């Protein structure tokens, strides 16, 4: 089968700093290359445009479908695509003019994507764990009272920091909040409250923090999937969330995380987690790990095989 995977990015696929979505693209490609001899490209070359493809899978970009010939065209959509945005990004007419199947990582993103886009069909295939997070056995690790903010969005962070300073830290002097991939220039003198900012770190370094953390905070204001949440759960680290957007599909209250209604309840839940003895925390941690298994690549790849082979 003649398959092309197209990723519109200026980053080299060998670059260690490529983001989570690019890594997903690369992981899926490596599998499809081995199984179907697929080709990966971030450019529309003359050779690509002149080839008659059996299948083209494009990540977040429909423009390529105007320039290639293919029996089937699949758009793997990771982000919201409002009508105004699609006109601005020149995505609207390529979607309308081509017979495109669209794969969404969540029901939430599917619902948020206008029915004006006349996709030939819509399918839900969840994102999957990167290979570094594919653990087969549960391990409690040696936990400390460490909590992680691992999403790259700042909405709600000020409120969390305020709760930490005024309540959580006062009642739990050994508790630490570690914030990743957020510029700390707007936040000064917070280390005295055990609040630490980290620049973008390697996945290996992030895994080290997951191993010793008791929970991760992913509020869920604007998540079309939230890779951080399944990475966290694969380490047995439950999620504290408002349960908005795609987090509603991933997090089950008291199974692999805690759904709270406001910042005060979030504060209380952190104190509750700190208060758990090892036996009780191990129970929620193991349950959290178990729910992550359905996002392993060996499970998700079967959905892609079915899509490719049984159209």
Protein backbone atom coordinates (compact mmCIF):
# COMPACT_ATOMS: atom_id res chain seq x y z
CA UNK A 1 0.00 0.00 0.00
CA UNK A 2 1.34 3.42 -1.02
CA UNK A 3 1.01 5.63 2.09
CA UNK A 4 2.20 9.16 2.81
CA UNK A 5 2.17 10.81 6.23
CA UNK A 6 2.45 14.58 5.95
CA UNK A 7 3.40 16.81 8.87
CA UNK A 8 3.59 20.56 8.22
CA UNK A 9 6.47 21.44 10.53
CA UNK A 10 9.81 23.23 10.14
CA UNK A 11 11.34 21.04 12.85
CA UNK A 12 13.56 18.15 11.89
CA UNK A 13 12.12 14.82 13.02
CA UNK A 14 15.50 14.01 14.54
CA UNK A 15 15.35 17.14 16.71
CA UNK A 16 15.20 16.16 20.39
CA UNK A 17 13.10 19.26 21.14
CA UNK A 18 10.14 18.39 18.93
CA UNK A 19 6.81 18.61 20.71
CA UNK A 20 4.37 15.94 21.84
CA UNK A 21 2.23 15.95 18.69
CA UNK A 22 5.30 15.68 16.44
CA UNK A 23 6.45 12.71 18.50
CA UNK A 24 3.06 11.05 18.01
CA UNK A 25 3.38 11.66 14.28
CA UNK A 26 6.84 10.10 14.30
CA UNK A 27 5.79 7.10 16.39
CA UNK A 28 2.82 6.37 14.13
CA UNK A 29 5.00 6.80 11.04
CA UNK A 30 7.64 4.38 12.31
CA UNK A 31 4.95 1.78 12.77
CA UNK A 32 3.32 2.41 9.37
CA UNK A 33 6.73 2.46 7.68
CA UNK A 34 7.49 -0.98 9.05
CA UNK A 35 4.06 -2.40 8.27
CA UNK A 36 3.22 -0.66 4.98
CA UNK A 37 6.51 0.94 3.85
CA UNK A 38 4.95 4.40 4.39
CA UNK A 39 6.76 7.66 3.70
CA UNK A 40 6.98 10.64 6.06
CA UNK A 41 7.44 14.18 4.77
CA UNK A 42 7.16 17.77 5.96
CA UNK A 43 7.42 19.16 2.42
CA UNK A 44 5.29 18.86 -0.72
CA UNK A 45 8.00 17.91 -3.22
CA UNK A 46 7.53 17.38 -6.96
CA UNK A 47 7.87 13.64 -6.45
CA UNK A 48 5.17 13.64 -3.79
CA UNK A 49 2.79 15.76 -5.87
CA UNK A 50 3.24 13.51 -8.93
CA UNK A 51 2.77 10.23 -7.05
CA UNK A 52 -0.61 8.49 -7.07
CA UNK A 53 -1.09 7.60 -3.41
CA UNK A 54 -3.38 4.96 -2.00
CA UNK A 55 -3.62 6.88 1.27
CA UNK A 56 -2.42 10.22 2.60
CA UNK A 57 -2.61 10.99 6.33
CA UNK A 58 -2.02 14.65 7.12
CA UNK A 59 -1.55 15.93 10.64
CA UNK A 60 -3.47 19.17 11.30
CA UNK A 61 -3.12 20.41 7.72
CA UNK A 62 -5.64 19.93 4.90
CA UNK A 63 -3.86 22.12 2.34
CA UNK A 64 -1.80 19.21 1.03
CA UNK A 65 -4.96 17.55 -0.28
CA UNK A 66 -5.16 20.22 -2.99
CA UNK A 67 -1.74 19.23 -4.32
CA UNK A 68 -1.68 15.45 -4.27
CA UNK A 69 -3.58 12.60 -5.88
CA UNK A 70 -4.83 9.97 -3.45
CA UNK A 71 -7.60 7.39 -3.27
CA UNK A 72 -8.13 8.18 0.39
CA UNK A 73 -7.39 11.31 2.39
CA UNK A 74 -7.31 11.33 6.19
CA UNK A 75 -6.94 14.47 8.29
CA UNK A 76 -5.60 13.71 11.77
CA UNK A 77 -6.92 16.76 13.61
CA UNK A 78 -5.35 17.56 16.98
CA UNK A 79 -6.45 21.16 17.52
CA UNK A 80 -9.62 23.21 17.34
CA UNK A 81 -10.35 24.60 13.89
CA UNK A 82 -12.85 27.42 14.16
CA UNK A 83 -14.30 28.65 10.86
CA UNK A 84 -12.54 32.04 11.10
CA UNK A 85 -9.25 30.32 11.88
CA UNK A 86 -9.62 27.89 9.00
CA UNK A 87 -10.11 30.79 6.54
CA UNK A 88 -7.08 32.59 7.98
CA UNK A 89 -4.96 29.45 7.82
CA UNK A 90 -6.31 28.63 4.32
CA UNK A 91 -7.71 25.30 5.55
CA UNK A 92 -11.41 25.84 4.86
CA UNK A 93 -11.64 25.27 1.10
CA UNK A 94 -9.22 22.31 1.00
CA UNK A 95 -11.54 20.60 3.50
CA UNK A 96 -14.71 21.52 1.61
CA UNK A 97 -13.36 20.56 -1.83
CA UNK A 98 -11.87 17.18 -0.92
CA UNK A 99 -13.43 13.96 0.29
CA UNK A 100 -11.67 13.79 3.64
CA UNK A 101 -12.04 11.39 6.54
CA UNK A 102 -11.23 13.10 9.83
CA UNK A 103 -9.71 11.42 12.90
CA UNK A 104 -10.21 13.19 16.22
CA UNK A 105 -8.42 12.25 19.48
CA UNK A 106 -11.53 12.95 21.57
CA UNK A 107 -15.31 13.23 21.34
CA UNK A 108 -14.89 16.75 22.73
CA UNK A 109 -12.87 17.91 19.72
CA UNK A 110 -15.32 16.24 17.36
CA UNK A 111 -18.20 18.18 18.92
CA UNK A 112 -16.21 21.41 18.82
CA UNK A 113 -15.50 21.00 15.10
CA UNK A 114 -18.26 22.58 13.01
CA UNK A 115 -20.59 20.41 10.92
CA UNK A 116 -19.95 22.91 8.12
CA UNK A 117 -16.82 20.88 7.49
CA UNK A 118 -18.31 18.20 5.25
CA UNK A 119 -16.00 15.37 6.19
CA UNK A 120 -16.74 12.09 4.46
CA UNK A 121 -16.76 10.56 7.93
CA UNK A 122 -15.61 11.36 11.47
CA UNK A 123 -13.79 8.89 13.68
CA UNK A 124 -12.45 8.95 17.24
CA UNK A 125 -9.02 7.41 17.81
CA UNK A 126 -7.44 8.48 21.12
CA UNK A 127 -3.84 9.60 21.22
CA UNK A 128 -1.36 7.13 22.64
CA UNK A 129 1.47 6.97 25.11
CA UNK A 130 4.94 7.74 23.83
CA UNK A 131 7.34 4.83 24.14
CA UNK A 132 9.03 6.31 27.24
CA UNK A 133 5.72 5.95 29.10
CA UNK A 134 4.82 2.42 27.99
CA UNK A 135 5.14 0.62 31.32
CA UNK A 136 3.85 -2.94 31.69
CA UNK A 137 3.93 -3.25 35.48
CA UNK A 138 2.78 -0.97 38.26
CA UNK A 139 5.50 0.51 40.47
CA UNK A 140 4.64 2.74 43.42
CA UNK A 141 8.11 4.30 43.47
CA UNK A 142 9.26 6.35 46.45
CA UNK A 143 6.80 9.22 46.66
CA UNK A 144 7.25 12.64 48.21
CA UNK A 145 4.68 15.40 48.73
CA UNK A 146 5.41 16.75 45.26
CA UNK A 147 2.73 18.02 42.90
CA UNK A 148 3.20 18.86 39.23
CA UNK A 149 1.76 21.47 36.89
CA UNK A 150 2.78 19.92 33.57
CA UNK A 151 0.54 21.66 31.01
CA UNK A 152 1.89 24.58 29.01
CA UNK A 153 -1.15 26.79 29.60
CA UNK A 154 -1.28 29.38 32.37
CA UNK A 155 -5.05 29.72 32.74
CA UNK A 156 -5.88 29.02 36.37
CA UNK A 157 -2.24 28.95 37.47
CA UNK A 158 -2.50 32.22 39.44
CA UNK A 159 -5.43 30.77 41.39
CA UNK A 160 -3.56 27.55 42.11
CA UNK A 161 -0.49 29.47 43.28
CA UNK A 162 -2.67 31.64 45.55
CA UNK A 163 -4.28 28.54 47.12
CA UNK A 164 -0.84 27.02 47.55
CA UNK A 165 0.56 30.08 49.33
CA UNK A 166 -2.43 30.76 51.57
CA UNK A 167 -3.57 27.23 52.42
CA UNK A 168 -1.68 24.20 51.12
CA UNK A 169 1.83 25.30 52.09
CA UNK A 170 0.75 26.62 55.49
CA UNK A 171 -0.71 23.25 56.40
CA UNK A 172 1.95 21.12 54.68
CA UNK A 173 5.37 22.73 54.95
CA UNK A 174 7.14 19.89 53.13
CA UNK A 175 4.83 20.00 50.09
CA UNK A 176 6.30 21.19 46.79
CA UNK A 177 4.69 22.50 43.61
CA UNK A 178 6.78 22.09 40.44
CA UNK A 179 5.69 24.02 37.37
CA UNK A 180 7.04 23.00 33.97
CA UNK A 181 7.36 24.85 30.65
CA UNK A 182 5.99 28.15 32.02
CA UNK A 183 8.02 31.38 31.95
CA UNK A 184 8.55 32.43 35.57
CA UNK A 185 9.31 36.10 34.86
CA UNK A 186 5.83 37.06 36.08
CA UNK A 187 6.25 35.03 39.27
CA UNK A 188 8.81 36.22 41.81
CA UNK A 189 9.89 35.08 45.28
CA UNK A 190 7.87 31.87 45.27
CA UNK A 191 10.59 29.42 46.31
CA UNK A 192 9.93 30.32 49.95
CA UNK A 193 6.55 28.63 49.43
CA UNK A 194 8.21 25.58 47.83
CA UNK A 195 7.00 26.63 44.36
CA UNK A 196 9.60 25.89 41.70
CA UNK A 197 9.59 26.75 38.00
CA UNK A 198 11.39 24.63 35.41
CA UNK A 199 12.15 25.49 31.83
CA UNK A 200 11.35 22.95 29.18
CA UNK A 201 12.97 19.71 30.31
CA UNK A 202 13.71 16.40 28.64
CA UNK A 203 11.18 13.58 28.89
CA UNK A 204 13.70 11.66 30.97
CA UNK A 205 13.85 14.51 33.50
CA UNK A 206 10.06 14.82 33.57
CA UNK A 207 9.73 11.09 34.23
CA UNK A 208 12.00 11.49 37.27
CA UNK A 209 9.56 14.03 38.70
CA UNK A 210 6.54 11.88 37.91
CA UNK A 211 8.13 8.98 39.80
CA UNK A 212 8.36 10.95 43.03
CA UNK A 213 5.13 12.96 42.65
CA UNK A 214 1.77 12.28 44.27
CA UNK A 215 -0.48 14.08 41.77
CA UNK A 216 -0.49 16.26 38.68
CA UNK A 217 -2.71 19.30 38.16
CA UNK A 218 -4.42 19.50 34.74
CA UNK A 219 -7.39 21.83 35.13
CA UNK A 220 -8.70 21.09 31.64
CA UNK A 221 -9.81 24.50 30.41
CA UNK A 222 -8.89 23.92 26.76
CA UNK A 223 -7.71 20.37 26.19
CA UNK A 224 -8.52 18.57 22.96
CA UNK A 225 -6.90 15.48 24.48
CA UNK A 226 -4.13 16.24 27.06
CA UNK A 227 -1.15 13.95 26.56
CA UNK A 228 0.22 15.05 29.93
CA UNK A 229 -2.69 13.41 31.70
CA UNK A 230 -2.14 9.92 30.26
CA UNK A 231 1.63 10.23 30.72
CA UNK A 232 1.01 11.06 34.37
CA UNK A 233 -1.41 8.18 34.88
CA UNK A 234 1.04 5.75 33.26
CA UNK A 235 3.35 6.55 36.19
CA UNK A 236 0.57 5.95 38.71
CA UNK A 237 0.21 9.68 39.31
CA UNK A 238 -3.47 10.69 39.60
CA UNK A 239 -4.81 13.88 38.02
CA UNK A 240 -6.54 16.73 39.84
CA UNK A 241 -8.87 18.45 37.39
CA UNK A 242 -12.08 20.39 36.90
CA UNK A 243 -13.04 17.69 34.37
CA UNK A 244 -13.64 20.15 31.56
CA UNK A 245 -13.14 19.53 27.82
CA UNK A 246 -11.38 16.27 26.87
CA UNK A 247 -10.31 15.62 30.48
CA UNK A 248 -13.92 14.60 31.10
CA UNK A 249 -13.32 11.57 28.86
CA UNK A 250 -9.97 10.61 30.40
CA UNK A 251 -10.36 11.15 34.16
CA UNK A 252 -12.71 9.08 36.30
CA UNK A 253 -13.25 10.55 39.75
CA UNK A 254 -11.49 8.56 42.50
CA UNK A 255 -10.32 6.01 39.89
CA UNK A 256 -7.43 7.76 38.15
CA UNK A 257 -7.81 11.23 39.58
CA UNK A 258 -10.02 13.68 41.39
CA UNK A 259 -12.57 15.96 39.78
CA UNK A 260 -13.04 19.13 41.81
CA UNK A 261 -15.52 21.99 41.42
CA UNK A 262 -13.34 24.96 42.41
CA UNK A 263 -9.88 26.01 43.61
CA UNK A 264 -10.81 25.67 47.28
CA UNK A 265 -11.78 22.04 46.73
CA UNK A 266 -8.58 21.55 44.74
CA UNK A 267 -6.63 22.80 47.76
CA UNK A 268 -8.50 20.42 50.06
CA UNK A 269 -7.91 17.51 47.69
CA UNK A 270 -4.14 18.12 47.69
CA UNK A 271 -4.18 18.09 51.50
CA UNK A 272 -6.25 14.90 51.39
CA UNK A 273 -3.72 13.19 49.11
CA UNK A 274 -0.88 14.23 51.41
CA UNK A 275 -2.76 12.72 54.36
CA UNK A 276 -3.11 9.26 52.75
CA UNK A 277 -0.97 6.49 54.19
CA UNK A 278 1.09 4.34 51.82
CA UNK A 279 -1.53 1.59 51.58
CA UNK A 280 -4.35 3.95 50.64
CA UNK A 281 -2.24 5.96 48.22
CA UNK A 282 -0.96 2.76 46.62
CA UNK A 283 -4.55 1.75 45.90
CA UNK A 284 -5.41 4.95 43.98
CA UNK A 285 -1.98 4.94 42.31
CA UNK A 286 -2.40 1.38 41.03
CA UNK A 287 -5.93 2.12 39.85
CA UNK A 288 -4.57 5.19 38.04
CA UNK A 289 -1.86 3.12 36.34
CA UNK A 290 -4.40 0.49 35.24
CA UNK A 291 -6.53 3.06 33.39
CA UNK A 292 -3.51 4.18 31.37
CA UNK A 293 -3.05 0.76 29.78
CA UNK A 294 -5.76 1.38 27.19
CA UNK A 295 -3.65 4.20 25.76
CA UNK A 296 -0.64 2.02 25.03
CA UNK A 297 0.42 2.12 21.41
CA UNK A 298 -0.08 -1.61 20.95
CA UNK A 299 -3.79 -1.00 21.66
CA UNK A 300 -4.26 2.24 19.68
CA UNK A 301 -2.35 1.00 16.63
CA UNK A 302 -5.05 -1.65 16.09
CA UNK A 303 -7.57 1.16 15.58
CA UNK A 304 -5.32 2.68 12.92
CA UNK A 305 -4.87 -0.69 11.21
CA UNK A 306 -8.64 -1.15 11.14
CA UNK A 307 -9.10 2.35 9.69
CA UNK A 308 -6.46 1.78 7.00
CA UNK A 309 -7.41 -1.76 6.00
CA UNK A 310 -11.19 -1.76 6.48
CA UNK A 311 -12.47 1.43 4.89
